[in-house]
């Protein structure tokens, strides 16, 4: 899984909120420990408790809490959740000798990390970087770079490892992703495809 960029300013706001929340929780824990007679020296309590609480809150938010529907409804989190299993159908080089192809896609996502693995009969593609941003009222734009590796069986003889870029639009419901791709030097393929949730 790799980090992904976003134009949303929510990350800065939420990190500040988690920092303040961790200080409040640490203060409450310190008071509670004092109330039951388990006081710790300030040199241990003050520096470690807020930091530990902060990193725990960051981990919880990054892996689980950001998906909470209430945070989406309140527009606290605007990053779309595209994690899941998808079916992909595409056409390569439509203006030359078009080739239709199908496959599966597994997207793993946290609030700050993303991994897109696409598998077809002849190859497997792994995302290497990505960004999510607004697509002017049509949904969310997903741009990602990938590394494609041919399979031993199923790949055409001319295929070799190559890099490429996909420029996609995620619809408002988050159940369909459409767009185009092009590959780098040597392969020089391009086309369009659609992801549909399984």
Protein backbone atom coordinates (compact mmCIF):
# COMPACT_ATOMS: atom_id res chain seq x y z
CA UNK A 1 0.00 0.00 0.00
CA UNK A 2 1.29 3.47 -0.88
CA UNK A 3 0.19 6.95 0.21
CA UNK A 4 -2.14 8.94 -2.03
CA UNK A 5 -2.50 12.67 -2.49
CA UNK A 6 -5.77 14.55 -2.15
CA UNK A 7 -6.83 18.16 -2.59
CA UNK A 8 -9.07 17.93 0.46
CA UNK A 9 -8.00 19.96 3.49
CA UNK A 10 -9.64 17.50 5.87
CA UNK A 11 -6.38 15.76 6.80
CA UNK A 12 -4.87 18.89 8.38
CA UNK A 13 -8.09 19.61 10.34
CA UNK A 14 -8.49 16.05 11.54
CA UNK A 15 -4.85 15.70 12.64
CA UNK A 16 -5.27 18.85 14.77
CA UNK A 17 -8.52 17.52 16.22
CA UNK A 18 -6.86 14.18 17.07
CA UNK A 19 -3.93 16.00 18.73
CA UNK A 20 -6.24 18.07 20.94
CA UNK A 21 -8.37 15.00 21.72
CA UNK A 22 -5.26 13.03 22.74
CA UNK A 23 -4.27 15.78 25.19
CA UNK A 24 -7.75 15.77 26.75
CA UNK A 25 -7.77 11.96 27.03
CA UNK A 26 -4.25 11.95 28.53
CA UNK A 27 -5.32 14.58 31.08
CA UNK A 28 -8.41 12.53 32.00
CA UNK A 29 -6.32 9.33 32.34
CA UNK A 30 -3.81 11.18 34.53
CA UNK A 31 -6.64 12.45 36.76
CA UNK A 32 -8.27 9.03 36.95
CA UNK A 33 -4.96 7.34 37.88
CA UNK A 34 -4.42 9.96 40.59
CA UNK A 35 -7.95 9.40 41.92
CA UNK A 36 -7.34 5.68 42.40
CA UNK A 37 -3.89 6.26 43.93
CA UNK A 38 -1.71 5.24 40.96
CA UNK A 39 0.20 8.45 40.34
CA UNK A 40 3.10 8.31 37.91
CA UNK A 41 6.00 10.77 37.83
CA UNK A 42 5.42 13.73 35.50
CA UNK A 43 8.59 12.85 33.57
CA UNK A 44 6.92 9.61 32.44
CA UNK A 45 3.29 10.65 32.31
CA UNK A 46 3.44 14.02 30.52
CA UNK A 47 5.58 13.14 27.46
CA UNK A 48 4.44 9.58 26.80
CA UNK A 49 0.70 9.42 27.45
CA UNK A 50 -0.45 12.12 24.95
CA UNK A 51 1.89 10.79 22.26
CA UNK A 52 0.72 7.21 22.74
CA UNK A 53 -2.94 8.28 22.73
CA UNK A 54 -2.37 10.44 19.63
CA UNK A 55 -0.81 7.62 17.61
CA UNK A 56 -3.54 5.22 18.71
CA UNK A 57 -6.22 7.71 17.58
CA UNK A 58 -4.42 8.30 14.26
CA UNK A 59 -4.22 4.55 13.63
CA UNK A 60 -7.91 4.03 14.52
CA UNK A 61 -9.01 6.92 12.31
CA UNK A 62 -6.78 5.90 9.40
CA UNK A 63 -7.89 2.27 9.36
CA UNK A 64 -11.50 2.34 10.58
CA UNK A 65 -13.15 5.54 11.75
CA UNK A 66 -12.81 7.50 8.48
CA UNK A 67 -15.33 5.10 6.89
CA UNK A 68 -18.10 5.98 9.37
CA UNK A 69 -21.20 7.09 7.43
CA UNK A 70 -21.91 9.89 9.92
CA UNK A 71 -18.55 11.53 9.08
CA UNK A 72 -19.46 11.46 5.38
CA UNK A 73 -22.93 12.91 6.01
CA UNK A 74 -21.42 15.76 8.07
CA UNK A 75 -18.76 16.34 5.35
CA UNK A 76 -15.99 15.84 7.90
CA UNK A 77 -14.54 13.17 5.61
CA UNK A 78 -14.94 13.80 1.88
CA UNK A 79 -12.49 11.21 0.52
CA UNK A 80 -14.53 8.47 -1.20
CA UNK A 81 -14.17 4.90 0.02
CA UNK A 82 -13.44 2.77 -3.06
CA UNK A 83 -12.10 -0.24 -1.18
CA UNK A 84 -13.41 -3.58 -2.38
CA UNK A 85 -13.56 -6.07 -5.23
CA UNK A 86 -14.37 -4.88 -8.75
CA UNK A 87 -14.90 -6.33 -12.23
CA UNK A 88 -13.04 -4.52 -15.02
CA UNK A 89 -13.90 -4.46 -18.73
CA UNK A 90 -11.76 -2.58 -21.20
CA UNK A 91 -10.70 -1.99 -24.78
CA UNK A 92 -7.04 -1.49 -25.76
CA UNK A 93 -5.96 0.72 -28.67
CA UNK A 94 -9.52 1.26 -30.00
CA UNK A 95 -8.42 3.12 -33.15
CA UNK A 96 -5.88 0.50 -34.29
CA UNK A 97 -6.61 -3.20 -33.74
CA UNK A 98 -8.96 -3.00 -30.74
CA UNK A 99 -8.63 -5.76 -28.14
CA UNK A 100 -11.39 -6.28 -25.58
CA UNK A 101 -10.32 -7.60 -22.21
CA UNK A 102 -11.77 -8.33 -18.77
CA UNK A 103 -10.38 -8.95 -15.33
CA UNK A 104 -10.69 -8.35 -11.62
CA UNK A 105 -9.53 -5.49 -9.43
CA UNK A 106 -8.86 -5.47 -5.70
CA UNK A 107 -8.64 -2.03 -4.10
CA UNK A 108 -7.34 -1.75 -0.53
CA UNK A 109 -7.72 1.67 1.06
CA UNK A 110 -7.20 3.49 4.31
CA UNK A 111 -7.66 7.21 4.92
CA UNK A 112 -4.05 7.81 3.81
CA UNK A 113 -3.07 4.68 1.85
CA UNK A 114 -4.21 3.00 -1.35
CA UNK A 115 -3.39 -0.14 -3.33
CA UNK A 116 -4.94 -1.08 -6.69
CA UNK A 117 -4.20 -4.55 -8.06
CA UNK A 118 -5.71 -5.39 -11.45
CA UNK A 119 -5.48 -8.91 -12.87
CA UNK A 120 -6.35 -10.00 -16.39
CA UNK A 121 -5.71 -13.22 -18.30
CA UNK A 122 -2.24 -12.07 -19.35
CA UNK A 123 -0.92 -9.73 -16.66
CA UNK A 124 -1.13 -8.16 -13.22
CA UNK A 125 -0.89 -4.41 -12.58
CA UNK A 126 0.12 -2.87 -9.24
CA UNK A 127 -0.45 0.81 -8.46
CA UNK A 128 2.69 2.72 -7.47
CA UNK A 129 1.22 6.18 -6.71
CA UNK A 130 -2.20 7.85 -6.81
CA UNK A 131 -4.20 11.01 -6.22
CA UNK A 132 -7.88 11.76 -5.62
CA UNK A 133 -9.47 15.09 -6.51
CA UNK A 134 -12.64 16.81 -7.67
CA UNK A 135 -13.86 16.18 -11.21
CA UNK A 136 -16.07 19.27 -11.67
CA UNK A 137 -19.45 17.89 -10.66
CA UNK A 138 -19.01 14.47 -12.30
CA UNK A 139 -17.60 12.70 -9.25
CA UNK A 140 -14.07 12.23 -8.01
CA UNK A 141 -10.99 12.01 -10.23
CA UNK A 142 -8.61 9.11 -9.50
CA UNK A 143 -5.23 9.28 -11.21
CA UNK A 144 -2.78 6.48 -10.59
CA UNK A 145 0.48 5.18 -11.98
CA UNK A 146 1.00 1.45 -12.22
CA UNK A 147 3.55 -1.25 -12.98
CA UNK A 148 2.27 -4.05 -15.22
CA UNK A 149 3.88 -7.50 -15.12
CA UNK A 150 3.01 -10.19 -17.69
CA UNK A 151 2.11 -13.67 -16.50
CA UNK A 152 4.16 -16.67 -17.60
CA UNK A 153 1.03 -18.18 -19.13
CA UNK A 154 -1.61 -16.08 -20.86
CA UNK A 155 0.46 -13.07 -21.93
CA UNK A 156 0.95 -12.23 -25.58
CA UNK A 157 4.58 -12.77 -26.74
CA UNK A 158 5.19 -9.04 -27.27
CA UNK A 159 4.24 -8.15 -23.69
CA UNK A 160 6.90 -7.23 -21.16
CA UNK A 161 6.99 -5.36 -17.84
CA UNK A 162 5.99 -1.72 -18.32
CA UNK A 163 4.63 1.34 -16.55
CA UNK A 164 1.49 3.30 -17.27
CA UNK A 165 -1.02 5.86 -16.05
CA UNK A 166 -4.80 5.68 -15.56
CA UNK A 167 -7.07 8.72 -15.39
CA UNK A 168 -10.44 7.72 -13.95
CA UNK A 169 -13.68 9.20 -12.65
CA UNK A 170 -15.49 7.68 -9.66
CA UNK A 171 -19.23 8.25 -9.91
CA UNK A 172 -21.17 9.94 -7.08
CA UNK A 173 -22.50 6.61 -5.73
CA UNK A 174 -19.01 5.11 -5.66
CA UNK A 175 -20.04 1.92 -7.47
CA UNK A 176 -18.60 2.65 -10.93
CA UNK A 177 -15.19 3.93 -12.05
CA UNK A 178 -14.56 4.80 -15.71
CA UNK A 179 -11.64 6.24 -17.58
CA UNK A 180 -8.63 5.85 -19.80
CA UNK A 181 -5.09 4.56 -19.56
CA UNK A 182 -1.87 4.75 -21.49
CA UNK A 183 1.34 2.81 -21.07
CA UNK A 184 4.93 3.92 -21.27
CA UNK A 185 7.86 3.35 -23.57
CA UNK A 186 8.01 0.06 -25.40
CA UNK A 187 4.39 -0.99 -24.86
CA UNK A 188 2.71 2.18 -26.17
CA UNK A 189 -0.83 0.99 -25.57
CA UNK A 190 -3.82 3.07 -24.59
CA UNK A 191 -7.51 2.47 -24.13
CA UNK A 192 -10.48 2.84 -21.86
CA UNK A 193 -12.05 0.69 -19.18
CA UNK A 194 -14.73 0.52 -16.50
CA UNK A 195 -14.66 -0.86 -12.95
CA UNK A 196 -17.98 -2.09 -11.52
CA UNK A 197 -18.30 -3.24 -7.90
CA UNK A 198 -18.86 -6.96 -7.43
